Amino acid sequence: MSSKEKPVVLVSIATGDTIPNDLKSDKMTIEEEEPIIPPKQNMPWYKEVKCYSVYVLLILLLTYLLNQLDRYMLAITVKPMAQEIHFGDLGCMVNETYPSDVTKGASCKANTTENCALITNNGSVEHVCKWDYLGSGFQYQLVAGPIFIVIYTFMGIFIGFLADRYNRKILLAICLMFWSAMTLLTGFIGEYWQLVVLRLGLGAGEAGCTPFAASIISDYFSENLRGSALGVYNWGIYTGYSMSYAIGNFITLANINNQGWRWTFYIAGIPGLVLGIVMLITVKEPVRGNMRASESDKQTAVTENVSTCTKILNVARPFFRPSLLLLCIAGSVRNSGGYVWAYNTQPYFNALGTSLGKTSDETSEMVGSYMSWIPLVGGSIGVFVGGFISDRVVKKRGLYARIIVLVASQVLAAPFAAGTLYFNPPWAFICQIPTYIIGEMWVGVTLAVVIELVPINARTTAVAVYLFIISNVGGNVPLIVPPLKQAFSGLGYNSISSLRAALYILYPGTYIGGSALFLLTMFVVKWDQENAQKYNAMDQLTGSVNKAK
């Protein structure tokens, strides 16, 4: 027996009896790989970090950046795209063929194409308004949400099982290059059905990003640093999201080669093809379960390859416990608010700009100027601070302390989210800063909780299941926006007021609803964590005995 192998003493949890010696074998050992970052006790956190681990985290951060950039580019460019390939709702808007000084102050609020054509600017200029595609409506919400989410979530489960068995780095690089190719091809579409097909391809590729990346991070960083590392990784959400506003608005306005919005997809798609090659060449696949920072982690380590059926049971079992069940429901509610706002930010400010008499170009410049940096700065600070605080607090008060961070952050962020809808620019954009800083703490913290409540060998699949649940629920909620808006219109609200009322319910409202559900999770998470360790030990015992036989 090598120096790195230790005999396993098997004890029945039910009776306390040891397994007979004749059932033991030399194969019943736990391989203890040399950790990439040795989890020494009382070591300062900054001494645990190695340069190569930081490099890998940077590559994963850039991958997630491109993931979000490519995903949300549609939401930013949807209005000029819809006007060119014809989909979504039609409405009255400023006629941009006139100079802005001519159309300034025009009230384009007609409900029919005939009335829209009759609007004049103080009776002096006719046709200052036009009837055209708004870049909103059911067809837009369908291709932005469900068409993407359905394939994204179901592929996520399948990919999660592959990741627990095959090389995660290679699979992640393939996914990155595939979804980048889908983004690049979107710049060449000419019909709505082509957008649908490429959106399906985008969802299939992007499904592998976070399950693979979160699993790799968990093997490069110890338990004490895992929340912070996931927080850094989640910077990609806000960096990519902010870049989508900058590229989507300003590149469209630049109108390169008279192709407008199409160049935004060319620019967004090409870098992923290059980064995928860099990942294949420079990133090393870590040993699974390498970061065993605690004795409980070592006890739950799986010493052999288990069957697919056993793996499914290992993954499914924690999700039937109250803590993860409530966490999934709370995450779904909170995530729905993120999806609703992400896919309706540009349409909302486009509609608000029209109501204030601004042209599409003026509105695009305004939105791009603010939203190109607010999600980046606010969201990045939020996810890192959330992970850092939860890592520090969990040392003293246990896992349930992470839930406290979730509840407090959502309650504090909700009023600022409401302020975004209540005020006109620039105060609407200023309210977004604390909304992102405080409200986005939940992203990395919830992933850390999920990872800590499941067995090491099933972490990738568990993350995929969690993302499947919250994405499948949250990603389809934007479909509720059109009927809610229509309902408020029937009550006498105008176009912008009806959209604002619908967003009040589905944006800040989900922050409050999610926080209430996170609060319930806090009361059961500690009890479920203890039970999870018992179940993990039982699985370890059963698997080892079966193998010995």
Protein backbone atom coordinates (compact mmCIF):
# COMPACT_ATOMS: atom_id res chain seq x y z
CA MET A 1 0.00 0.00 0.00
CA SER A 2 1.44 3.36 -1.04
CA SER A 3 1.98 6.25 1.31
CA LYS A 4 -0.88 8.08 -0.30
CA GLU A 5 -3.40 5.31 0.39
CA LYS A 6 -5.12 4.84 3.73
CA PRO A 7 -7.29 1.86 4.68
CA VAL A 8 -10.97 2.57 4.99
CA VAL A 9 -12.60 1.51 8.26
CA LEU A 10 -16.22 0.78 7.41
CA VAL A 11 -18.80 1.17 10.14
CA SER A 12 -22.53 0.58 9.82
CA ILE A 13 -24.39 3.78 10.63
CA ALA A 14 -27.47 1.87 11.68
CA THR A 15 -25.81 -0.62 14.10
CA GLY A 16 -22.35 0.75 14.75
CA ASP A 17 -20.81 -2.61 13.75
CA THR A 18 -17.66 -2.76 11.66
CA ILE A 19 -17.62 -4.56 8.33
CA PRO A 20 -16.00 -8.01 8.60
CA ASN A 21 -12.37 -8.21 7.55
CA ASP A 22 -13.09 -10.63 4.75
CA LEU A 23 -15.14 -7.94 2.98
CA LYS A 24 -12.24 -5.51 3.01
CA SER A 25 -9.88 -5.25 0.07
CA ASP A 26 -6.91 -3.23 -1.08
CA LYS A 27 -9.22 -1.43 -3.50
CA MET A 28 -11.23 0.03 -0.64
CA THR A 29 -9.01 3.04 -0.23
CA ILE A 30 -9.33 6.75 -0.56
CA GLU A 31 -6.90 8.33 -2.97
CA GLU A 32 -5.68 11.57 -1.47
CA GLU A 33 -4.32 13.67 -4.31
CA GLU A 34 -1.96 16.46 -3.47
CA PRO A 35 -4.20 19.54 -3.37
CA ILE A 36 -3.58 22.41 -5.70
CA ILE A 37 -4.00 24.72 -2.73
CA PRO A 38 -3.18 22.89 0.51
CA PRO A 39 -6.00 23.64 2.97
CA LYS A 40 -3.88 24.34 6.03
CA GLN A 41 -5.50 25.36 9.25
CA ASN A 42 -5.18 29.00 10.33
CA MET A 43 -3.53 29.92 7.02
CA PRO A 44 -4.41 33.47 5.84
CA TRP A 45 -6.70 33.31 2.82
CA TYR A 46 -4.30 35.19 0.55
CA LYS A 47 -1.58 32.58 1.17
CA GLU A 48 -3.85 29.78 -0.05
CA VAL A 49 -4.11 31.25 -3.54
CA LYS A 50 -1.69 30.16 -6.28
CA CYS A 51 -1.06 32.09 -9.49
CA TYR A 52 -2.17 29.29 -11.78
CA SER A 53 -5.47 28.92 -9.95
CA VAL A 54 -6.06 32.64 -10.45
CA TYR A 55 -5.22 32.24 -14.16
CA VAL A 56 -7.78 29.44 -14.52
CA LEU A 57 -10.35 31.58 -12.73
CA LEU A 58 -9.60 34.44 -15.16
CA ILE A 59 -10.18 32.14 -18.17
CA LEU A 60 -13.47 30.99 -16.67
CA LEU A 61 -14.44 34.59 -15.95
CA LEU A 62 -13.82 35.55 -19.60
CA THR A 63 -15.84 32.53 -20.71
CA TYR A 64 -18.79 33.59 -18.58
CA LEU A 65 -18.41 37.17 -19.83
CA LEU A 66 -18.84 35.98 -23.42
CA ASN A 67 -21.71 33.73 -22.31
CA GLN A 68 -23.68 36.72 -21.02
CA LEU A 69 -22.61 39.05 -23.84
CA ASP A 70 -23.88 36.66 -26.49
CA ARG A 71 -27.06 35.82 -24.57
CA TYR A 72 -28.27 39.40 -24.05
CA MET A 73 -27.19 40.92 -27.36
CA LEU A 74 -30.65 40.12 -28.72
CA ALA A 75 -32.32 42.18 -25.97
CA ILE A 76 -30.25 45.25 -26.88
CA THR A 77 -30.58 45.10 -30.67
CA VAL A 78 -34.12 43.78 -30.86
CA LYS A 79 -35.75 47.00 -32.11
CA PRO A 80 -33.62 47.56 -35.25
CA MET A 81 -33.55 43.78 -35.82
CA ALA A 82 -37.35 43.54 -35.59
CA GLN A 83 -37.77 46.45 -37.99
CA GLU A 84 -35.53 44.73 -40.53
CA ILE A 85 -36.73 41.12 -40.36
CA HIS A 86 -40.27 41.93 -39.14
CA PHE A 87 -41.43 40.32 -35.90
CA GLY A 88 -43.14 41.39 -32.68
CA ASP A 89 -45.60 44.17 -31.93
CA LEU A 90 -46.21 47.26 -34.04
CA GLY A 91 -46.68 50.75 -32.64
CA CYS A 92 -46.39 54.47 -33.16
CA MET A 93 -42.96 56.04 -32.76
CA VAL A 94 -40.89 59.03 -33.81
CA ASN A 95 -40.12 59.15 -37.54
CA GLU A 96 -36.33 59.28 -37.58
CA THR A 97 -36.11 60.40 -41.21
CA TYR A 98 -36.68 63.92 -39.89
CA PRO A 99 -33.98 65.83 -37.99
CA SER A 100 -34.30 65.70 -34.21
CA ASP A 101 -35.09 69.42 -33.99
CA VAL A 102 -38.17 68.82 -36.17
CA THR A 103 -39.49 65.81 -34.24
CA LYS A 104 -38.62 67.21 -30.82
CA GLY A 105 -41.67 67.28 -28.59
CA ALA A 106 -43.81 65.15 -30.92
CA SER A 107 -46.28 62.99 -28.98
CA CYS A 108 -46.40 59.67 -30.86
CA LYS A 109 -49.07 57.94 -28.77
CA ALA A 110 -51.59 56.79 -31.39
CA ASN A 111 -53.11 53.31 -31.18
CA THR A 112 -53.66 52.77 -34.93
CA THR A 113 -51.54 53.31 -38.03
CA GLU A 114 -54.05 55.83 -39.40
CA ASN A 115 -54.02 58.01 -36.30
CA CYS A 116 -50.23 57.74 -36.11
CA ALA A 117 -49.89 59.11 -39.63
CA LEU A 118 -52.07 62.13 -38.76
CA ILE A 119 -49.87 63.33 -35.89
CA THR A 120 -48.07 66.61 -36.59
CA ASN A 121 -45.49 68.64 -34.74
CA ASN A 122 -47.50 71.63 -33.48
CA GLY A 123 -49.49 71.50 -36.71
CA SER A 124 -46.53 72.46 -38.90
CA VAL A 125 -44.96 69.17 -40.03
CA GLU A 126 -46.87 66.03 -41.01
CA HIS A 127 -45.79 62.41 -40.56
CA VAL A 128 -43.40 63.15 -37.69
CA CYS A 129 -44.49 59.76 -36.32
CA LYS A 130 -44.39 56.37 -38.01
CA TRP A 131 -46.01 52.96 -37.47
CA ASP A 132 -43.27 50.34 -37.17
CA TYR A 133 -42.00 47.36 -35.16
CA LEU A 134 -41.35 48.17 -31.51
CA GLY A 135 -38.97 45.34 -30.67
CA SER A 136 -41.34 43.93 -28.05
CA GLY A 137 -44.38 41.68 -27.78
CA PHE A 138 -45.00 37.94 -27.60
CA GLN A 139 -42.73 36.90 -30.48
CA TYR A 140 -39.82 38.74 -28.90
CA GLN A 141 -40.46 37.37 -25.40
CA LEU A 142 -40.79 33.88 -26.90
CA VAL A 143 -37.44 33.89 -28.67
CA ALA A 144 -35.70 35.71 -25.81
CA GLY A 145 -37.05 33.43 -23.08
CA PRO A 146 -38.66 30.00 -23.63
CA ILE A 147 -36.99 29.12 -26.95
CA PHE A 148 -33.60 29.74 -25.38
CA ILE A 149 -34.42 28.47 -21.89
CA VAL A 150 -36.01 25.12 -22.81
CA ILE A 151 -32.97 23.84 -24.69
CA TYR A 152 -30.63 25.56 -22.21
CA THR A 153 -32.08 23.82 -19.18
CA PHE A 154 -32.58 20.34 -20.62
CA MET A 155 -29.12 20.33 -22.17
CA GLY A 156 -27.75 21.48 -18.82
CA ILE A 157 -28.89 18.24 -17.16
CA PHE A 158 -27.38 16.07 -19.90
CA ILE A 159 -24.13 18.05 -19.90
CA GLY A 160 -23.95 17.84 -16.12
CA PHE A 161 -23.81 14.03 -16.26
CA LEU A 162 -21.09 14.19 -18.91
CA ALA A 163 -19.08 16.56 -16.74
CA ASP A 164 -19.05 14.16 -13.80
CA ARG A 165 -17.52 11.47 -16.02
CA TYR A 166 -15.46 13.15 -18.75
CA ASN A 167 -12.90 15.94 -19.09
CA ARG A 168 -14.65 19.18 -18.06
CA LYS A 169 -12.12 21.53 -19.64
CA ILE A 170 -12.51 19.99 -23.11
CA LEU A 171 -16.30 19.95 -22.88
CA LEU A 172 -16.38 23.58 -21.74
CA ALA A 173 -14.11 24.68 -24.60
CA ILE A 174 -16.33 22.87 -27.14
CA CYS A 175 -19.46 24.52 -25.70
CA LEU A 176 -17.78 27.95 -25.81
CA MET A 177 -16.79 27.66 -29.46
CA PHE A 178 -20.20 26.27 -30.45
CA TRP A 179 -22.28 29.04 -28.88
CA SER A 180 -19.84 31.66 -30.24
CA ALA A 181 -20.43 30.29 -33.74
CA MET A 182 -24.20 30.58 -33.20
CA THR A 183 -23.74 34.22 -32.17
CA LEU A 184 -21.62 34.99 -35.21
CA LEU A 185 -24.17 33.43 -37.56
CA THR A 186 -26.98 35.52 -36.03
CA GLY A 187 -25.46 38.52 -37.79
CA PHE A 188 -26.40 36.94 -41.14
CA ILE A 189 -30.09 36.13 -40.51
CA GLY A 190 -32.85 37.42 -42.75
CA GLU A 191 -35.97 35.82 -41.30
CA TYR A 192 -37.51 35.17 -37.89
CA TRP A 193 -37.28 31.35 -38.12
CA GLN A 194 -33.51 31.62 -38.60
CA LEU A 195 -33.28 33.60 -35.37
CA VAL A 196 -35.27 30.86 -33.61
CA VAL A 197 -32.93 28.10 -34.84
CA LEU A 198 -29.75 29.97 -33.86
CA ARG A 199 -31.23 30.90 -30.50
CA LEU A 200 -31.81 27.19 -29.84
CA GLY A 201 -28.18 26.51 -30.76
CA LEU A 202 -27.02 29.31 -28.48
CA GLY A 203 -28.94 27.80 -25.56
CA ALA A 204 -27.52 24.33 -26.20
CA GLY A 205 -23.95 25.65 -26.14
CA GLU A 206 -24.31 27.98 -23.19
CA ALA A 207 -25.88 25.22 -21.06
CA GLY A 208 -22.43 23.80 -20.33
CA CYS A 209 -20.83 26.99 -19.06
CA THR A 210 -21.66 27.29 -15.36
CA PRO A 211 -21.96 23.54 -14.53
CA PHE A 212 -18.46 22.89 -15.90
CA ALA A 213 -16.95 26.10 -14.53
CA ALA A 214 -18.41 25.78 -11.02
CA SER A 215 -17.15 22.20 -10.75
CA ILE A 216 -13.65 23.19 -11.89
CA ILE A 217 -13.59 26.11 -9.44
CA SER A 218 -14.58 23.81 -6.57
CA ASP A 219 -11.48 21.69 -7.31
CA TYR A 220 -9.11 24.67 -7.58
CA PHE A 221 -10.21 26.55 -4.46
CA SER A 222 -10.68 25.41 -0.87
CA GLU A 223 -13.96 25.65 1.03
CA ASN A 224 -12.86 28.91 2.70
CA LEU A 225 -12.27 30.57 -0.68
CA ARG A 226 -14.95 28.90 -2.76
CA GLY A 227 -17.63 31.54 -2.20
CA SER A 228 -15.23 34.35 -3.14
CA ALA A 229 -13.98 32.45 -6.20
CA LEU A 230 -17.54 31.87 -7.40
CA GLY A 231 -18.22 35.54 -6.76
CA VAL A 232 -15.30 36.52 -9.00
CA TYR A 233 -16.52 34.06 -11.64
CA ASN A 234 -19.94 35.68 -11.51
CA TRP A 235 -18.37 39.01 -12.43
CA GLY A 236 -18.80 37.60 -15.92
CA ILE A 237 -22.55 38.08 -15.65
CA TYR A 238 -22.30 41.82 -15.19
CA THR A 239 -19.24 42.41 -17.33
CA GLY A 240 -20.82 40.63 -20.28
CA TYR A 241 -24.23 42.14 -19.63
CA SER A 242 -22.77 45.66 -19.50
CA MET A 243 -20.73 45.06 -22.64
CA SER A 244 -23.88 44.00 -24.45
CA TYR A 245 -25.30 47.50 -23.84
CA ALA A 246 -22.11 49.19 -25.00
CA ILE A 247 -21.63 47.06 -28.11
CA GLY A 248 -25.33 46.66 -28.88
CA ASN A 249 -26.11 50.37 -28.74
CA PHE A 250 -22.94 52.11 -29.92
CA ILE A 251 -21.94 49.66 -32.66
CA THR A 252 -25.49 49.79 -34.02
CA LEU A 253 -25.31 53.58 -34.03
CA ALA A 254 -21.93 53.43 -35.80
CA ASN A 255 -23.69 51.54 -38.62
CA ILE A 256 -20.53 49.84 -39.92
CA ASN A 257 -20.81 49.08 -43.66
CA ASN A 258 -24.43 50.19 -43.37
CA GLN A 259 -25.17 46.93 -41.53
CA GLY A 260 -26.13 48.41 -38.16
CA TRP A 261 -27.03 45.74 -35.59
CA ARG A 262 -25.44 42.88 -37.54
CA TRP A 263 -21.91 43.94 -36.60
CA THR A 264 -22.73 43.63 -32.92
CA PHE A 265 -23.08 39.86 -33.38
CA TYR A 266 -19.90 39.63 -35.45
CA ILE A 267 -17.93 41.41 -32.72
CA ALA A 268 -19.53 39.36 -29.93
CA GLY A 269 -19.03 35.96 -31.59
CA ILE A 270 -15.43 35.96 -32.78
CA PRO A 271 -13.59 36.24 -29.39
CA GLY A 272 -15.18 33.01 -28.10
CA LEU A 273 -13.64 31.00 -30.93
CA VAL A 274 -10.19 32.26 -29.93
CA LEU A 275 -10.70 31.80 -26.17
CA GLY A 276 -11.85 28.21 -26.70
CA ILE A 277 -8.52 27.34 -28.31
CA VAL A 278 -6.61 29.10 -25.51
CA MET A 279 -8.55 27.07 -22.94
CA LEU A 280 -7.78 23.77 -24.63
CA ILE A 281 -4.05 24.55 -24.71
CA THR A 282 -3.40 26.20 -21.34
CA VAL A 283 -5.98 25.00 -18.78
CA LYS A 284 -5.35 21.77 -16.85
CA GLU A 285 -8.16 19.48 -15.78
CA PRO A 286 -8.05 19.33 -11.93
CA VAL A 287 -8.44 16.13 -9.92
CA ARG A 288 -12.03 15.79 -8.74
CA GLY A 289 -12.58 16.47 -5.06
CA ASN A 290 -9.04 17.85 -4.74
CA MET A 291 -10.09 20.63 -2.38
CA ARG A 292 -11.17 18.63 0.70
CA ALA A 293 -10.88 21.35 3.28
CA SER A 294 -12.74 19.53 6.03
CA GLU A 295 -13.03 16.06 7.47
CA SER A 296 -16.68 15.90 6.41
CA ASP A 297 -15.61 16.42 2.80
CA LYS A 298 -13.09 13.60 3.09
CA GLN A 299 -15.69 11.27 4.55
CA THR A 300 -18.08 11.97 1.68
CA ALA A 301 -15.47 11.49 -1.03
CA VAL A 302 -16.43 8.73 -3.44
CA THR A 303 -13.70 6.14 -3.88
CA GLU A 304 -14.94 4.54 -7.08
CA ASN A 305 -17.02 5.15 -10.19
CA VAL A 306 -20.67 4.69 -9.37
CA SER A 307 -23.44 3.63 -11.71
CA THR A 308 -25.60 6.18 -13.49
CA CYS A 309 -28.63 5.08 -11.45
CA THR A 310 -26.73 5.58 -8.20
CA LYS A 311 -25.51 8.98 -9.35
CA ILE A 312 -29.07 10.07 -10.21
CA LEU A 313 -30.23 9.01 -6.76
CA ASN A 314 -27.30 10.83 -5.12
CA VAL A 315 -28.15 14.03 -6.97
CA ALA A 316 -31.94 13.79 -6.62
CA ARG A 317 -31.99 12.97 -2.91
CA PRO A 318 -30.80 16.38 -1.63
CA PHE A 319 -33.37 18.21 -3.78
CA PHE A 320 -36.20 16.49 -1.91
CA ARG A 321 -34.96 17.86 1.40
CA PRO A 322 -36.62 21.05 2.65
CA SER A 323 -33.50 23.23 2.40
CA LEU A 324 -32.66 22.63 -1.28
CA LEU A 325 -36.32 22.47 -2.25
CA LEU A 326 -36.96 25.88 -0.72
CA LEU A 327 -33.67 27.19 -2.11
CA CYS A 328 -34.74 26.18 -5.62
CA ILE A 329 -38.15 27.83 -5.24
CA ALA A 330 -36.63 31.02 -3.81
CA GLY A 331 -33.94 31.07 -6.49
CA SER A 332 -36.57 30.61 -9.20
CA VAL A 333 -38.61 33.56 -7.94
CA ARG A 334 -35.57 35.80 -7.61
CA ASN A 335 -34.13 34.67 -10.94
CA SER A 336 -37.38 35.46 -12.70
CA GLY A 337 -36.96 39.11 -11.72
CA GLY A 338 -33.49 39.11 -13.25
CA TYR A 339 -34.74 37.62 -16.51
CA VAL A 340 -37.71 39.98 -16.71
CA TRP A 341 -35.57 43.07 -16.22
CA ALA A 342 -32.70 41.87 -18.43
CA TYR A 343 -34.97 41.25 -21.42
CA ASN A 344 -37.09 44.35 -20.88
CA THR A 345 -34.56 47.00 -19.88
CA GLN A 346 -33.92 48.22 -23.42
CA PRO A 347 -37.60 47.90 -24.49
CA TYR A 348 -38.67 49.78 -21.33
CA PHE A 349 -36.27 52.66 -21.88
CA ASN A 350 -37.09 52.68 -25.60
CA ALA A 351 -40.77 53.13 -24.70
CA LEU A 352 -39.89 55.69 -22.03
CA GLY A 353 -37.77 57.59 -24.52
CA THR A 354 -40.64 57.66 -27.01
CA SER A 355 -42.99 59.01 -24.32
CA LEU A 356 -40.43 61.74 -23.57
CA GLY A 357 -40.16 62.67 -27.26
CA LYS A 358 -36.69 61.18 -27.87
CA THR A 359 -35.60 59.47 -31.08
CA SER A 360 -34.35 55.88 -31.12
CA ASP A 361 -30.78 57.08 -31.59
CA GLU A 362 -31.04 59.44 -28.63
CA THR A 363 -32.51 56.70 -26.46
CA SER A 364 -29.85 54.18 -27.52
CA GLU A 365 -27.08 56.65 -26.70
CA MET A 366 -28.64 57.37 -23.30
CA VAL A 367 -29.11 53.70 -22.37
CA GLY A 368 -25.66 52.75 -23.64
CA SER A 369 -24.00 55.54 -21.68
CA TYR A 370 -25.42 54.34 -18.35
CA MET A 371 -26.01 50.62 -18.68
CA SER A 372 -22.59 49.94 -20.19
CA TRP A 373 -21.01 50.43 -16.76
CA ILE A 374 -23.69 50.30 -14.03
CA PRO A 375 -24.27 46.50 -14.12
CA LEU A 376 -20.52 45.96 -14.43
CA VAL A 377 -19.55 48.06 -11.41
CA GLY A 378 -22.59 47.42 -9.23
CA GLY A 379 -23.04 43.73 -10.00
CA SER A 380 -19.33 42.91 -9.74
CA ILE A 381 -19.10 44.55 -6.34
CA GLY A 382 -22.28 42.80 -5.24
CA VAL A 383 -21.33 39.22 -6.11
CA PHE A 384 -17.81 39.57 -4.69
CA VAL A 385 -18.96 41.24 -1.48
CA GLY A 386 -21.71 38.64 -1.10
CA GLY A 387 -19.25 35.77 -1.47
CA PHE A 388 -16.65 37.43 0.76
CA ILE A 389 -19.13 38.23 3.53
CA SER A 390 -20.69 34.76 3.44
CA ASP A 391 -17.23 33.13 3.54
CA ARG A 392 -16.24 35.16 6.58
CA VAL A 393 -19.55 34.73 8.40
CA VAL A 394 -19.90 31.01 7.68
CA LYS A 395 -16.70 30.32 9.65
CA LYS A 396 -18.38 31.56 12.82
CA ARG A 397 -22.06 30.79 12.36
CA GLY A 398 -22.22 27.89 9.92
CA LEU A 399 -23.83 27.37 6.54
CA TYR A 400 -27.12 29.04 7.48
CA ALA A 401 -25.23 32.36 7.70
CA ARG A 402 -25.06 32.40 3.90
CA ILE A 403 -28.87 32.41 3.87
CA ILE A 404 -28.88 35.48 6.13
CA VAL A 405 -26.83 37.28 3.49
CA LEU A 406 -29.39 36.27 0.84
CA VAL A 407 -32.40 37.56 2.79
CA ALA A 408 -30.86 40.86 3.85
CA SER A 409 -29.52 41.71 0.40
CA GLN A 410 -32.86 41.21 -1.39
CA VAL A 411 -34.91 43.20 1.12
CA LEU A 412 -32.49 46.13 0.96
CA ALA A 413 -32.31 46.11 -2.86
CA ALA A 414 -36.07 46.04 -3.59
CA PRO A 415 -36.78 49.79 -2.97
CA PHE A 416 -33.99 50.77 -5.35
CA ALA A 417 -35.34 48.43 -8.03
CA ALA A 418 -38.72 50.13 -7.65
CA GLY A 419 -37.03 53.53 -7.91
CA THR A 420 -35.66 52.56 -11.32
CA LEU A 421 -39.23 52.33 -12.59
CA TYR A 422 -40.60 55.29 -10.66
CA PHE A 423 -38.10 57.97 -11.74
CA ASN A 424 -37.21 59.29 -15.18
CA PRO A 425 -33.58 59.35 -16.38
CA PRO A 426 -31.02 60.02 -15.06
CA TRP A 427 -32.35 59.06 -11.60
CA ALA A 428 -33.80 55.83 -12.98
CA PHE A 429 -30.28 54.77 -13.92
CA ILE A 430 -28.77 55.99 -10.66
CA CYS A 431 -31.16 53.73 -8.73
CA GLN A 432 -29.70 50.81 -10.65
CA ILE A 433 -26.33 51.22 -8.89
CA PRO A 434 -27.44 50.13 -5.38
CA THR A 435 -29.85 47.64 -6.94
CA TYR A 436 -26.94 45.78 -8.48
CA ILE A 437 -24.50 46.23 -5.60
CA ILE A 438 -26.91 44.88 -2.99
CA GLY A 439 -29.35 42.79 -5.00
CA GLU A 440 -26.81 40.67 -6.87
CA MET A 441 -25.10 39.25 -3.77
CA TRP A 442 -27.35 36.21 -4.08
CA VAL A 443 -25.77 34.69 -7.22
CA GLY A 444 -22.49 33.30 -5.89
CA VAL A 445 -23.88 32.64 -2.42
CA THR A 446 -26.63 30.31 -3.62
CA LEU A 447 -24.22 28.30 -5.77
CA ALA A 448 -21.92 27.91 -2.74
CA VAL A 449 -24.85 26.61 -0.67
CA VAL A 450 -25.83 24.08 -3.35
CA ILE A 451 -22.26 22.81 -3.69
CA GLU A 452 -21.93 22.36 0.07
CA LEU A 453 -25.16 20.35 0.37
CA VAL A 454 -24.38 17.63 -2.19
CA PRO A 455 -21.72 14.89 -2.51
CA ILE A 456 -18.42 15.81 -4.14
CA ASN A 457 -18.84 13.41 -7.07
CA ALA A 458 -22.25 14.89 -7.95
CA ARG A 459 -21.55 18.61 -7.61
CA THR A 460 -21.52 19.38 -11.35
CA THR A 461 -24.79 17.56 -11.90
CA ALA A 462 -26.35 19.18 -8.83
CA VAL A 463 -25.42 22.65 -10.08
CA ALA A 464 -26.94 21.72 -13.45
CA VAL A 465 -30.16 20.56 -11.76
CA TYR A 466 -30.35 23.73 -9.68
CA LEU A 467 -29.77 25.91 -12.76
CA PHE A 468 -32.30 23.81 -14.66
CA ILE A 469 -34.96 24.55 -12.06
CA ILE A 470 -34.37 28.27 -11.54
CA SER A 471 -33.74 28.91 -15.24
CA ASN A 472 -36.72 26.93 -16.46
CA VAL A 473 -39.02 28.81 -14.09
CA GLY A 474 -37.39 32.23 -14.15
CA GLY A 475 -36.60 32.23 -17.86
CA ASN A 476 -40.23 31.72 -18.84
CA VAL A 477 -41.66 34.43 -16.59
CA PRO A 478 -40.98 37.20 -19.21
CA LEU A 479 -43.86 35.67 -21.17
CA ILE A 480 -46.15 37.10 -18.49
CA VAL A 481 -45.11 40.67 -19.33
CA PRO A 482 -47.28 41.08 -22.51
CA PRO A 483 -50.56 39.83 -20.93
CA LEU A 484 -49.94 41.85 -17.75
CA LYS A 485 -49.26 44.93 -19.83
CA GLN A 486 -52.44 44.27 -21.81
CA ALA A 487 -54.43 43.88 -18.59
CA PHE A 488 -53.25 47.26 -17.31
CA SER A 489 -53.97 48.82 -20.71
CA GLY A 490 -57.55 47.59 -20.34
CA LEU A 491 -57.73 49.52 -17.06
CA GLY A 492 -56.92 52.76 -18.86
CA TYR A 493 -53.11 52.85 -18.52
CA ASN A 494 -51.17 54.23 -21.49
CA SER A 495 -48.37 52.24 -23.18
CA ILE A 496 -45.49 53.20 -20.90
CA SER A 497 -47.57 53.16 -17.71
CA SER A 498 -48.93 49.67 -18.42
CA LEU A 499 -45.42 48.32 -19.04
CA ARG A 500 -44.15 50.02 -15.88
CA ALA A 501 -46.97 48.51 -13.80
CA ALA A 502 -46.21 45.02 -15.11
CA LEU A 503 -42.52 45.46 -14.29
CA TYR A 504 -43.30 46.64 -10.74
CA ILE A 505 -44.83 43.23 -10.08
CA LEU A 506 -42.20 41.17 -11.85
CA TYR A 507 -39.04 43.11 -10.95
CA PRO A 508 -38.93 44.54 -7.39
CA GLY A 509 -41.84 42.27 -6.46
CA THR A 510 -39.72 39.17 -7.04
CA TYR A 511 -36.97 40.56 -4.79
CA ILE A 512 -39.42 40.63 -1.88
CA GLY A 513 -40.95 37.25 -2.73
CA GLY A 514 -37.52 35.64 -3.08
CA SER A 515 -36.28 37.05 0.23
CA ALA A 516 -39.29 35.62 2.08
CA LEU A 517 -38.59 32.18 0.68
CA PHE A 518 -34.86 32.47 1.42
CA LEU A 519 -35.84 33.24 5.02
CA LEU A 520 -37.72 29.95 5.28
CA THR A 521 -34.68 28.13 3.92
CA MET A 522 -32.52 29.46 6.74
CA PHE A 523 -34.48 27.54 9.38
CA VAL A 524 -33.88 24.10 7.83
CA VAL A 525 -30.51 24.34 6.09
CA LYS A 526 -28.40 23.35 9.10
CA TRP A 527 -30.52 20.30 9.90
CA ASP A 528 -30.41 19.18 6.25
CA GLN A 529 -26.66 19.63 6.10
CA GLU A 530 -26.22 17.20 9.00
CA ASN A 531 -28.58 14.69 7.38
CA ALA A 532 -26.77 15.05 4.06
CA GLN A 533 -23.53 13.92 5.71
CA LYS A 534 -25.28 10.82 7.10
CA TYR A 535 -26.72 9.96 3.69
CA ASN A 536 -23.31 10.49 2.06
CA ALA A 537 -21.67 8.16 4.58
CA MET A 538 -24.35 5.52 3.96
CA ASP A 539 -23.79 5.75 0.20
CA GLN A 540 -20.05 5.41 0.78
CA LEU A 541 -20.62 2.33 2.94
CA THR A 542 -22.99 0.66 0.47
CA GLY A 543 -20.76 1.30 -2.54
CA SER A 544 -17.64 -0.01 -0.83
CA VAL A 545 -19.33 -3.21 0.38
CA ASN A 546 -20.77 -3.91 -3.07
CA LYS A 547 -17.39 -3.45 -4.66
CA ALA A 548 -15.70 -5.74 -2.13
CA LYS A 549 -18.20 -8.48 -2.97
